[in-house]
Amino acid sequence: MIKHIYLVRGTKEESYDDFNKRIHHAALQWADKKEIIKLSFTITEEAPPKISIIPFKKNKIAAITIFKMDADPIEEILRIDGIKGAYSVTDAYPVAYEKNWAYGEKTPGACLLTLFKQKRSIDYDTFIDRWHNSHTPLSLKIHPLWHYNRNVVNRKLVENSESWDGIVEEHMRTRSELLNPFKFFGNPIVIIPRMIHIFLDTYSFLDYGSIEPYLVSEYHLKG
């Protein structure tokens, strides 16, 4: 199967509730298409906390994931208002939950969706090596990750897509494990060294100024 991710952005005039209703309605229709084998999406359902150790973006966004047998994009998704990117990706799951909830129900816990680009001063092989072999094991060691969906962007499905090199979804079992810094990074004795370690590691392979982290929820509709 081939995996595609589509990015859809809401407008400033659109409320979080209206954006959610629009994406849910459209995704339910897409899930009926025979060529789509699996469909899920992560979406901003609310404004992020005003004070947070994670610099969440306030924009409204949905990352729609589909699996299909051929490489062609889904034209209906490309016609939705706010579509900003369509990508063919290679995924990996260094740690994965066991799905035991019904399709259409919200995935338990909380999710951090992060879009990022390669650091411009390093080559692509170094970017991938540092991401996969340094940052991934460090994240698994420090953060209480329940599910880690790592996607390397291979190519744009449409030319005017936003430029991203990585799309990552990190799930925690509870909301507090993501939003409470002493649960996300550790107790008061270790939190500062761990935060510094994560920052330096991230800075070594990402274009740090262009990172976009979002507080999102996940829904599986088909699969």
Protein backbone atom coordinates (compact mmCIF):
# COMPACT_ATOMS: atom_id res chain seq x y z
CA MET A 1 0.00 0.00 0.00
CA ILE A 2 1.01 3.59 -0.65
CA LYS A 3 0.56 6.24 2.02
CA HIS A 4 -0.48 9.80 1.29
CA ILE A 5 -0.91 12.75 3.66
CA TYR A 6 -3.01 15.81 2.78
CA LEU A 7 -2.79 19.07 4.74
CA VAL A 8 -5.87 21.28 5.00
CA ARG A 9 -5.83 24.65 6.77
CA GLY A 10 -8.78 26.53 8.19
CA THR A 11 -9.31 30.26 7.82
CA LYS A 12 -9.16 32.95 10.50
CA GLU A 13 -12.90 33.53 10.04
CA GLU A 14 -13.70 29.83 10.49
CA SER A 15 -14.26 28.69 14.08
CA TYR A 16 -12.61 25.53 15.37
CA ASP A 17 -16.05 23.94 15.58
CA ASP A 18 -16.97 24.86 12.00
CA PHE A 19 -13.59 23.65 10.72
CA ASN A 20 -14.04 20.33 12.54
CA LYS A 21 -17.54 19.82 11.17
CA ARG A 22 -16.35 20.57 7.64
CA ILE A 23 -13.42 18.15 7.78
CA HIS A 24 -15.43 15.39 9.50
CA HIS A 25 -18.21 15.65 6.91
CA ALA A 26 -15.78 15.53 3.98
CA ALA A 27 -13.69 12.71 5.45
CA LEU A 28 -16.76 10.51 5.95
CA GLN A 29 -17.54 10.88 2.26
CA TRP A 30 -13.96 10.10 1.24
CA ALA A 31 -13.97 6.97 3.41
CA ASP A 32 -16.70 5.53 1.19
CA LYS A 33 -14.42 5.51 -1.84
CA LYS A 34 -13.42 1.96 -2.83
CA GLU A 35 -9.83 2.87 -3.70
CA ILE A 36 -9.16 4.12 -0.15
CA ILE A 37 -8.12 1.20 2.05
CA LYS A 38 -7.43 3.18 5.23
CA LEU A 39 -8.36 6.71 6.26
CA SER A 40 -7.59 8.67 9.41
CA PHE A 41 -6.90 12.27 10.29
CA THR A 42 -5.54 14.49 13.02
CA ILE A 43 -7.16 17.87 13.54
CA THR A 44 -7.03 20.97 15.75
CA GLU A 45 -10.26 20.88 17.75
CA GLU A 46 -9.54 23.80 20.05
CA ALA A 47 -7.15 26.67 20.62
CA PRO A 48 -3.94 25.50 22.32
CA PRO A 49 -3.15 26.56 25.90
CA LYS A 50 -2.06 30.18 26.16
CA ILE A 51 0.91 29.12 28.28
CA SER A 52 2.75 25.97 27.25
CA ILE A 53 6.29 24.65 27.14
CA ILE A 54 5.50 23.52 23.58
CA PRO A 55 5.16 26.51 21.20
CA PHE A 56 1.87 25.37 19.68
CA LYS A 57 0.63 27.15 16.57
CA LYS A 58 -2.87 28.63 16.83
CA ASN A 59 -3.83 28.01 13.21
CA LYS A 60 -6.47 25.43 12.38
CA ILE A 61 -5.11 22.41 10.48
CA ALA A 62 -5.99 18.84 9.57
CA ALA A 63 -3.59 16.15 8.38
CA ILE A 64 -5.55 13.52 6.46
CA THR A 65 -3.87 10.14 5.98
CA ILE A 66 -4.97 7.61 3.40
CA PHE A 67 -3.62 4.29 2.21
CA LYS A 68 -4.33 3.07 -1.32
CA MET A 69 -2.77 0.67 -3.82
CA ASP A 70 -1.87 3.21 -6.54
CA ALA A 71 0.12 6.44 -6.41
CA ASP A 72 -2.54 8.79 -7.79
CA PRO A 73 -3.88 11.46 -5.41
CA ILE A 74 -7.56 11.59 -4.46
CA GLU A 75 -9.01 14.38 -6.59
CA GLU A 76 -11.92 15.07 -4.19
CA ILE A 77 -9.47 15.85 -1.39
CA LEU A 78 -7.49 18.17 -3.65
CA ARG A 79 -10.66 20.19 -4.28
CA ILE A 80 -11.49 20.87 -0.62
CA ASP A 81 -11.25 24.48 0.57
CA GLY A 82 -7.96 25.15 2.36
CA ILE A 83 -5.94 22.31 0.83
CA LYS A 84 -2.27 23.27 1.21
CA GLY A 85 -0.37 20.11 0.45
CA ALA A 86 -0.49 16.51 -0.73
CA TYR A 87 2.45 14.19 -0.17
CA SER A 88 3.61 10.65 -0.72
CA VAL A 89 5.36 9.51 2.47
CA THR A 90 7.28 6.61 3.97
CA ASP A 91 6.11 5.85 7.48
CA ALA A 92 7.58 4.13 10.53
CA TYR A 93 6.16 3.39 13.98
CA PRO A 94 8.98 3.11 16.56
CA VAL A 95 6.25 2.62 19.16
CA ALA A 96 2.61 1.89 18.31
CA TYR A 97 -0.66 1.66 20.19
CA GLU A 98 -3.06 -1.23 19.79
CA LYS A 99 -6.28 0.23 18.41
CA ASN A 100 -9.21 -1.08 20.47
CA TRP A 101 -11.78 1.70 19.99
CA ALA A 102 -14.45 1.98 17.31
CA TYR A 103 -13.99 3.69 13.97
CA GLY A 104 -15.26 7.24 14.16
CA GLU A 105 -14.44 7.60 17.85
CA LYS A 106 -11.70 9.96 18.96
CA THR A 107 -8.38 8.29 19.70
CA PRO A 108 -7.77 8.39 23.48
CA GLY A 109 -5.18 10.76 24.92
CA ALA A 110 -3.64 13.72 23.12
CA CYS A 111 -1.51 14.14 20.02
CA LEU A 112 1.27 16.48 18.91
CA LEU A 113 1.38 17.01 15.13
CA THR A 114 4.65 18.52 13.93
CA LEU A 115 5.58 19.70 10.44
CA PHE A 116 9.24 20.45 9.76
CA LYS A 117 11.95 21.00 7.17
CA GLN A 118 15.52 19.82 6.86
CA LYS A 119 18.22 22.06 8.30
CA ARG A 120 19.70 23.85 5.31
CA SER A 121 23.34 23.54 6.40
CA ILE A 122 23.36 19.71 6.33
CA ASP A 123 22.84 17.20 3.52
CA TYR A 124 19.79 14.98 3.23
CA ASP A 125 21.49 11.78 4.42
CA THR A 126 22.67 13.55 7.57
CA PHE A 127 19.17 14.91 8.14
CA ILE A 128 17.63 11.43 7.96
CA ASP A 129 20.38 9.84 10.08
CA ARG A 130 20.07 12.41 12.87
CA TRP A 131 16.26 12.27 12.78
CA HIS A 132 15.98 8.48 12.81
CA ASN A 133 19.04 7.40 14.75
CA SER A 134 19.49 10.23 17.26
CA HIS A 135 16.24 12.12 17.75
CA THR A 136 13.83 9.17 17.60
CA PRO A 137 15.53 7.10 20.32
CA LEU A 138 16.02 10.25 22.43
CA SER A 139 12.30 11.08 22.19
CA LEU A 140 11.36 7.53 23.14
CA LYS A 141 13.68 7.74 26.15
CA ILE A 142 12.48 11.11 27.45
CA HIS A 143 8.83 11.54 26.45
CA PRO A 144 5.93 9.24 27.52
CA LEU A 145 5.14 8.29 23.92
CA TRP A 146 2.26 5.87 23.39
CA HIS A 147 2.29 6.01 19.59
CA TYR A 148 4.90 7.58 17.30
CA ASN A 149 3.90 7.97 13.64
CA ARG A 150 7.00 9.13 11.74
CA ASN A 151 6.57 10.17 8.10
CA VAL A 152 9.36 11.05 5.67
CA VAL A 153 8.02 13.12 2.78
CA ASN A 154 9.16 11.50 -0.46
CA ARG A 155 7.49 13.80 -2.97
CA LYS A 156 4.72 16.31 -3.49
CA LEU A 157 1.63 14.93 -5.20
CA VAL A 158 0.80 18.41 -6.52
CA GLU A 159 3.36 21.08 -7.36
CA ASN A 160 1.88 23.91 -5.28
CA SER A 161 2.06 21.92 -2.03
CA GLU A 162 3.76 23.51 0.96
CA SER A 163 7.35 22.33 1.35
CA TRP A 164 7.81 19.92 4.26
CA ASP A 165 10.35 17.14 4.77
CA GLY A 166 8.80 15.48 7.81
CA ILE A 167 5.33 15.03 9.28
CA VAL A 168 5.22 13.46 12.74
CA GLU A 169 2.31 12.54 15.03
CA GLU A 170 3.25 11.80 18.64
CA HIS A 171 0.52 10.42 20.90
CA MET A 172 0.42 10.40 24.70
CA ARG A 173 -2.00 8.28 26.72
CA THR A 174 -3.38 11.33 28.52
CA ARG A 175 -3.66 15.05 27.84
CA SER A 176 -1.56 15.87 30.91
CA GLU A 177 1.32 13.72 29.64
CA LEU A 178 1.61 16.12 26.72
CA LEU A 179 0.77 19.44 28.38
CA ASN A 180 2.34 19.00 31.82
CA PRO A 181 6.09 19.65 31.36
CA PHE A 182 6.99 17.47 34.36
CA LYS A 183 5.26 14.54 32.69
CA PHE A 184 6.44 15.35 29.17
CA PHE A 185 10.09 15.92 30.13
CA GLY A 186 10.43 14.49 33.63
CA ASN A 187 10.73 15.50 37.28
CA PRO A 188 12.27 18.81 38.47
CA ILE A 189 15.73 17.28 38.82
CA VAL A 190 16.01 16.17 35.18
CA ILE A 191 13.67 18.51 33.30
CA ILE A 192 16.15 21.30 32.45
CA PRO A 193 18.96 19.01 31.21
CA ARG A 194 16.44 17.02 29.18
CA MET A 195 14.93 20.14 27.62
CA ILE A 196 18.39 21.35 26.63
CA HIS A 197 19.28 17.93 25.23
CA ILE A 198 16.08 17.80 23.13
CA PHE A 199 16.60 21.35 21.87
CA LEU A 200 20.22 20.77 20.80
CA ASP A 201 19.36 17.47 19.17
CA THR A 202 16.40 18.99 17.30
CA TYR A 203 18.43 22.04 16.26
CA SER A 204 21.08 19.77 14.74
CA PHE A 205 18.86 18.49 11.93
CA LEU A 206 15.76 20.73 11.60
CA ASP A 207 15.21 24.23 10.24
CA TYR A 208 14.18 25.30 13.73
CA GLY A 209 12.52 28.59 12.82
CA SER A 210 10.00 26.97 10.48
CA ILE A 211 8.78 24.12 12.73
CA GLU A 212 4.99 24.01 13.14
CA PRO A 213 3.71 22.08 16.20
CA TYR A 214 -0.03 21.62 16.74
CA LEU A 215 -2.22 20.24 19.52
CA VAL A 216 -4.53 17.84 17.70
CA SER A 217 -6.97 14.96 18.11
CA GLU A 218 -7.06 11.85 15.93
CA TYR A 219 -9.90 9.96 14.27
CA HIS A 220 -9.80 6.66 12.38
CA LEU A 221 -12.64 6.29 9.90
CA LYS A 222 -11.61 3.29 7.81
CA GLY A 223 -9.05 0.53 7.96
